[in-house]
Protein backbone atom coordinates (compact mmCIF):
# COMPACT_ATOMS: atom_id res chain seq x y z
CA MET A 1 -36.57 -51.61 31.97
CA ALA A 2 -34.81 -54.78 31.03
CA THR A 3 -34.96 -57.65 33.48
CA ARG A 4 -32.05 -60.05 33.72
CA VAL A 5 -32.05 -63.31 35.61
CA TYR A 6 -28.95 -64.17 37.61
CA GLN A 7 -28.23 -66.99 40.05
CA ARG A 8 -29.51 -64.81 42.89
CA GLY A 9 -32.71 -63.90 41.09
CA PRO A 10 -34.08 -61.23 38.73
CA VAL A 11 -32.32 -57.82 38.63
CA LYS A 12 -33.65 -54.56 37.13
CA VAL A 13 -31.13 -52.35 35.32
CA GLN A 14 -31.72 -48.66 36.13
CA ALA A 15 -29.91 -45.50 35.16
CA ASN A 16 -28.94 -43.24 38.04
CA LEU A 17 -29.64 -39.66 36.91
CA THR A 18 -28.44 -37.94 40.09
CA PRO A 19 -24.86 -37.27 38.86
CA LEU A 20 -26.21 -35.93 35.56
CA ILE A 21 -28.57 -33.55 37.37
CA ASP A 22 -25.68 -32.38 39.59
CA VAL A 23 -23.54 -31.60 36.53
CA VAL A 24 -26.39 -29.69 34.88
CA PHE A 25 -26.89 -27.54 38.00
CA LEU A 26 -23.14 -26.86 38.18
CA LEU A 27 -23.11 -25.76 34.53
CA ILE A 28 -26.09 -23.45 35.08
CA THR A 29 -24.36 -21.90 38.10
CA PHE A 30 -21.11 -21.46 36.15
CA PHE A 31 -22.77 -19.69 33.22
CA MET A 32 -24.78 -17.43 35.54
CA LEU A 33 -21.58 -16.36 37.32
CA VAL A 34 -19.73 -15.74 34.05
CA ALA A 35 -22.62 -13.63 32.76
CA GLN A 36 -22.58 -11.57 35.98
CA ILE A 37 -18.82 -10.99 35.73
CA GLN A 38 -19.13 -9.85 32.13
CA ARG A 39 -22.01 -7.53 33.05
CA THR A 40 -19.94 -5.76 35.73
CA ARG A 41 -17.03 -5.30 33.33
CA LEU A 42 -19.03 -3.57 30.60
CA GLU A 43 -21.36 -0.78 31.66
CA ALA A 44 -24.40 -0.24 29.41
CA LEU A 45 -23.33 2.86 27.48
CA ASP A 46 -24.35 4.50 24.20
CA LEU A 47 -20.90 4.44 22.58
CA PRO A 48 -19.76 6.87 19.87
CA ARG A 49 -20.47 5.83 16.29
CA LEU A 50 -17.94 6.16 13.48
CA SER A 51 -19.03 5.98 9.85
CA ALA A 52 -15.79 5.72 7.89
CA ALA A 53 -12.75 5.88 10.12
CA GLU A 54 -9.55 3.87 10.32
CA THR A 55 -10.24 1.66 13.30
CA SER A 56 -9.28 -1.76 14.51
CA LYS A 57 -11.17 -4.36 16.49
CA ALA A 58 -10.27 -4.31 20.17
CA VAL A 59 -9.59 -7.60 21.88
CA HIS A 60 -11.29 -7.78 25.30
CA ASP A 61 -9.47 -10.87 26.60
CA ASP A 62 -6.54 -9.31 28.45
CA SER A 63 -7.70 -5.70 28.41
CA ALA A 64 -8.53 -3.53 31.40
CA VAL A 65 -11.85 -1.84 30.67
CA VAL A 66 -12.48 1.59 32.21
CA ASN A 67 -16.03 2.93 31.95
CA VAL A 68 -16.81 6.65 32.28
CA LEU A 69 -20.10 6.44 34.13
CA PRO A 70 -22.79 8.84 32.89
CA LEU A 71 -23.96 11.69 35.10
CA GLY A 72 -26.65 10.84 37.64
CA PRO A 73 -30.24 12.13 37.45
CA GLY A 74 -29.35 15.29 39.40
CA GLY A 75 -26.27 15.99 37.28
CA GLU A 76 -23.90 14.58 39.91
CA SER A 77 -20.83 12.66 38.78
CA ARG A 78 -20.89 8.89 39.20
CA GLY A 79 -17.15 8.56 38.46
CA TYR A 80 -15.26 5.79 36.69
CA ARG A 81 -15.66 2.01 36.90
CA VAL A 82 -13.02 -0.68 36.49
CA GLY A 83 -14.57 -4.13 36.84
CA ALA A 84 -16.86 -3.98 39.87
CA ARG A 85 -15.00 -1.08 41.55
CA THR A 86 -16.17 2.51 41.15
CA PHE A 87 -13.81 5.46 41.58
CA ALA A 88 -14.89 9.04 42.24
CA GLU A 89 -13.89 11.90 39.97
CA SER A 90 -12.14 13.54 42.93
CA PRO A 91 -8.32 13.65 43.27
CA ASP A 92 -8.49 10.84 45.86
CA GLY A 93 -10.65 8.72 43.58
CA LEU A 94 -8.33 9.30 40.63
CA GLY A 95 -5.33 8.39 42.81
CA ALA A 96 -7.02 5.13 43.77
CA LEU A 97 -7.77 4.52 40.09
CA VAL A 98 -4.09 5.03 39.22
CA ASP A 99 -3.13 2.49 41.91
CA GLU A 100 -5.71 -0.01 40.59
CA LEU A 101 -4.44 0.37 37.01
CA LYS A 102 -0.81 -0.08 38.12
CA ARG A 103 -1.80 -3.23 40.02
CA SER A 104 -3.70 -4.52 36.99
CA MET A 105 -0.76 -3.86 34.67
CA LYS A 106 1.65 -5.67 37.02
CA GLN A 107 -0.51 -8.78 36.70
CA GLN A 108 -0.80 -8.49 32.89
CA PRO A 109 1.98 -6.26 31.50
CA SER A 110 0.90 -6.78 27.87
CA ALA A 111 -2.69 -5.71 28.53
CA ASN A 112 -4.38 -2.77 26.82
CA VAL A 113 -6.69 -0.25 28.46
CA LEU A 114 -10.06 0.22 26.80
CA VAL A 115 -11.84 3.50 27.59
CA ARG A 116 -15.62 3.42 27.21
CA ALA A 117 -17.75 6.57 27.46
CA GLU A 118 -21.16 7.77 26.28
CA ARG A 119 -21.05 9.41 22.87
CA THR A 120 -22.53 12.59 24.38
CA GLU A 121 -19.96 12.67 27.19
CA MET A 122 -18.06 15.93 27.69
CA TYR A 123 -14.29 15.80 27.25
CA GLU A 124 -13.87 17.53 30.64
CA ARG A 125 -14.91 14.23 32.24
CA VAL A 126 -12.79 11.99 29.99
CA HIS A 127 -9.57 14.03 30.22
CA PRO A 128 -8.90 13.32 33.95
CA LEU A 129 -9.29 9.60 33.21
CA LEU A 130 -6.79 9.76 30.35
CA ALA A 131 -4.39 11.71 32.59
CA ALA A 132 -4.74 9.03 35.31
CA ILE A 133 -4.01 6.29 32.77
CA ALA A 134 -0.88 8.16 31.63
CA GLN A 135 0.13 8.67 35.28
CA ALA A 136 -0.10 4.91 35.77
CA GLY A 137 2.50 4.55 33.00
CA ILE A 138 0.16 2.92 30.50
CA THR A 139 0.77 3.67 26.83
CA ARG A 140 -1.60 1.22 25.11
CA VAL A 141 -4.96 3.01 25.39
CA HIS A 142 -7.92 2.53 23.06
CA VAL A 143 -11.17 4.50 22.97
CA VAL A 144 -14.03 2.09 22.27
CA THR A 145 -16.46 3.07 19.54
CA VAL A 146 -19.03 1.25 17.42
CA ASP A 147 -19.36 1.29 13.65
CA LYS A 148 -22.37 2.66 11.83
CA ASP A 149 -24.13 -0.72 12.20
CA GLY A 150 -23.65 -0.74 15.97
CA ALA A 151 -20.94 -3.43 16.14
CA LEU A 152 -17.87 -2.93 18.32
């Protein structure tokens, strides 16, 4: 530390690290929250693979992502997930899903809907979801796949 002599006497110059530590903790908290939000939006699924198809890259920024949750260990349906909310495969659950999609599209009218499902998923479970999306009046629907290298 440098010592300077003033009329009142010697003074030590010190750096106050408290504000810097506060900012670092705020940044850590921010990135942990963002990671958690992203994790709830995208369910860990084994997506279908396409080898040589005409596809385009989906933009996730303003898209509503709907995950078809895989069957549970006993073969029971786990339903559909939009963000952190889960909807049952029942008529009531699908009605609530339609309402959620309508509300989402009112907030972002130019948004797309991305449908994510396991590659081994039966169409009987995906079809009610697609019907609910159509019932919500949404026409921009994309089925998410990965290429042969595993990239979205």
